[in-house]
Protein backbone atom coordinates (compact mmCIF):
# COMPACT_ATOMS: atom_id res chain seq x y z
CA MET A 1 -37.21 -8.85 2.14
CA VAL A 2 -33.44 -9.19 1.58
CA TYR A 3 -32.85 -6.05 0.35
CA LEU A 4 -32.98 -4.34 3.79
CA GLU A 5 -30.05 -6.84 4.95
CA TYR A 6 -28.10 -6.28 1.93
CA ILE A 7 -28.53 -2.36 2.19
CA ASP A 8 -27.33 -2.24 5.84
CA TYR A 9 -24.26 -4.72 4.83
CA LYS A 10 -23.28 -2.67 1.77
CA ASN A 11 -23.67 0.03 4.77
CA LYS A 12 -21.19 -1.12 6.27
CA TYR A 13 -19.01 -2.44 3.99
CA ASN A 14 -18.71 1.17 2.68
CA ASP A 15 -17.51 2.48 5.68
CA ILE A 16 -15.15 -0.12 6.17
CA GLN A 17 -13.62 1.15 3.36
CA LYS A 18 -13.60 4.99 3.72
CA ILE A 19 -11.49 4.13 7.40
CA PHE A 20 -9.06 2.05 5.50
CA ASP A 21 -8.67 5.00 2.57
CA GLY A 22 -8.17 7.34 5.90
CA ILE A 23 -5.82 4.59 6.90
CA LEU A 24 -4.19 4.25 3.32
CA ASN A 25 -3.80 8.27 2.79
CA GLU A 26 -2.56 9.30 6.22
CA LYS A 27 0.14 6.42 5.32
CA GLU A 28 0.61 7.94 1.42
CA GLN A 29 0.72 11.30 3.53
CA LEU A 30 4.06 10.16 5.09
CA PHE A 31 5.49 8.67 2.80
CA LEU A 32 5.69 12.43 1.03
CA ILE A 33 7.96 13.62 3.35
CA THR A 34 10.40 10.87 2.08
CA GLN A 35 10.24 12.16 -1.40
CA PRO A 36 13.22 14.84 -2.87
CA LYS A 37 11.76 18.59 -2.64
CA ALA A 38 13.43 21.60 -4.33
CA SER A 39 16.22 23.06 -2.75
CA LYS A 40 15.95 26.64 -1.11
CA ILE A 41 19.13 28.58 -2.53
CA GLU A 42 18.12 31.43 -0.36
CA GLY A 43 17.72 31.63 3.29
CA GLU A 44 19.83 30.58 6.62
CA LYS A 45 20.04 27.29 7.08
CA VAL A 46 17.76 26.93 10.79
CA ASN A 47 19.42 22.82 11.47
CA GLY A 48 22.86 23.90 11.40
CA GLY A 49 23.77 22.53 7.91
CA VAL A 50 23.08 19.05 9.22
CA ARG A 51 21.20 16.59 7.01
CA GLU A 52 18.02 14.80 8.70
CA ASN A 53 17.56 11.32 7.68
CA LEU A 54 14.31 11.75 6.13
CA PHE A 55 13.37 8.10 5.76
CA ASP A 56 14.05 7.27 9.11
CA ARG A 57 11.80 10.21 10.16
CA TYR A 58 9.09 8.38 8.53
CA LEU A 59 9.97 5.24 9.70
CA ILE A 60 9.79 6.61 13.57
CA MET A 61 6.58 8.35 12.55
CA LYS A 62 4.63 5.32 11.04
CA ASP A 63 5.80 3.53 14.13
CA GLU A 64 3.94 5.94 16.88
CA LYS A 65 0.90 6.32 15.20
CA GLN A 66 1.04 2.32 14.33
CA ILE A 67 -0.46 2.66 10.77
CA ASP A 68 0.65 -1.04 9.37
CA THR A 69 -1.05 -2.75 12.13
CA ARG A 70 -3.92 -0.40 11.59
CA LEU A 71 -4.10 -0.88 8.18
CA GLU A 72 -3.64 -4.92 8.25
CA GLU A 73 -6.49 -5.09 10.68
CA ALA A 74 -9.12 -3.20 8.32
CA ARG A 75 -7.86 -4.88 5.63
CA THR A 76 -8.91 -7.63 7.35
CA LEU A 77 -12.03 -6.20 8.27
CA LEU A 78 -12.47 -5.12 4.53
CA LYS A 79 -12.18 -8.72 3.21
CA ASP A 80 -14.38 -10.13 5.86
CA ARG A 81 -17.64 -7.53 5.11
CA GLU A 82 -17.10 -7.85 1.85
CA HIS A 83 -17.01 -11.70 1.98
CA MET A 84 -20.88 -11.13 4.29
CA LEU A 85 -21.89 -8.65 1.70
CA ASP A 86 -21.11 -11.85 -1.13
CA LEU A 87 -22.92 -14.32 0.54
CA LYS A 88 -25.85 -11.28 1.50
CA GLU A 89 -26.12 -11.18 -2.14
CA ALA A 90 -26.17 -14.57 -3.30
CA GLU A 91 -28.83 -14.99 -0.27
CA LEU A 92 -30.63 -12.09 -2.12
CA ARG A 93 -30.27 -13.44 -5.66
CA ASP A 94 -32.07 -16.73 -4.59
CA SER A 95 -35.15 -14.84 -3.00
CA LYS A 96 -38.39 -15.49 -4.54
CA ASP A 97 -39.96 -12.22 -2.55
CA TRP A 98 -40.66 -9.94 -5.93
CA HIS A 99 -39.28 -7.08 -4.10
CA ASP A 100 -35.96 -8.74 -3.94
CA ILE A 101 -36.10 -10.03 -7.52
CA ILE A 102 -36.85 -6.63 -8.53
CA PHE A 103 -33.91 -5.07 -6.47
CA VAL A 104 -31.75 -7.03 -7.64
CA TYR A 105 -32.58 -6.50 -11.53
CA TYR A 106 -32.62 -2.91 -11.01
CA TYR A 107 -30.12 -1.77 -8.09
CA ILE A 108 -27.51 -4.20 -8.76
CA GLU A 109 -27.28 -5.44 -12.24
CA ARG A 110 -28.89 -1.96 -13.49
CA LEU A 111 -31.47 -2.96 -16.34
CA SER A 112 -34.29 -0.46 -17.42
CA ILE A 113 -37.74 -1.19 -16.10
CA ARG A 114 -38.71 -2.59 -19.66
CA LYS A 115 -36.03 -5.40 -19.58
CA ILE A 116 -37.12 -6.71 -15.74
CA ALA A 117 -41.02 -6.08 -17.32
CA LYS A 118 -39.90 -9.24 -20.37
CA LYS A 119 -38.03 -11.11 -17.56
CA ILE A 120 -40.97 -11.10 -14.78
CA PRO A 121 -44.86 -11.12 -15.43
CA PHE A 122 -45.23 -7.46 -13.94
CA SER A 123 -46.50 -4.46 -16.42
CA THR A 124 -43.34 -1.54 -16.55
CA THR A 125 -46.28 0.24 -13.88
CA GLU A 126 -46.11 -2.38 -11.42
CA ILE A 127 -42.61 -2.56 -11.57
CA PHE A 128 -42.37 1.20 -11.18
CA ARG A 129 -44.52 1.09 -8.16
CA LYS A 130 -42.46 -1.41 -6.65
CA ILE A 131 -39.36 0.19 -7.08
CA LYS A 132 -40.97 3.39 -5.38
CA LYS A 133 -41.95 1.01 -2.34
CA ILE A 134 -38.57 -0.43 -2.18
CA GLU A 135 -36.62 3.10 -2.00
CA LYS A 136 -39.61 3.97 0.09
CA ASN A 137 -37.95 0.80 2.79
CA ILE A 138 -35.19 1.75 2.56
CA ASN A 139 -35.35 5.40 3.12
CA LEU A 140 -37.45 4.12 6.07
CA GLU A 141 -34.49 1.93 7.06
CA GLN A 142 -32.05 4.16 7.10
CA LYS A 143 -34.11 6.77 8.83
CA VAL A 144 -34.67 4.06 11.91
CA THR A 145 -31.01 3.14 11.95
CA LYS A 146 -29.78 7.14 12.23
CA ILE A 147 -32.53 7.33 15.32
CA GLY A 148 -30.92 4.14 16.75
CA LEU A 149 -27.80 5.29 16.31
CA GLN A 150 -28.35 8.86 18.22
């Protein structure tokens, strides 16, 4: 059942995507420091009227947090994971196992059970049973993975 491996690859790809998004958000928050803000005409000047260079501050903070390095590393990992996911999807599509075939039609191509029944030699009821079995196997696999990580 290649679809379980595909789900694992997909989860790893999503994890890297979240990390990449987090680093990108961090960079965006730092960049917002450089954007002009409304002037305050009331209150006292605390820095003696000296204007600080916000862009230099942004560059220093970005360098301290090594955002560009982390972002490039996450981008490389994301591309590698995407390539591996594509290879696993190709393997999944080439599989002759009926569960894999139904998985591709139902979860990847998003076909209805009726349309799947027109493509393969099973009734809609049998396809529905196989989808339930696929979902059960995916849930079991995810439970085993969570237990293994703790």
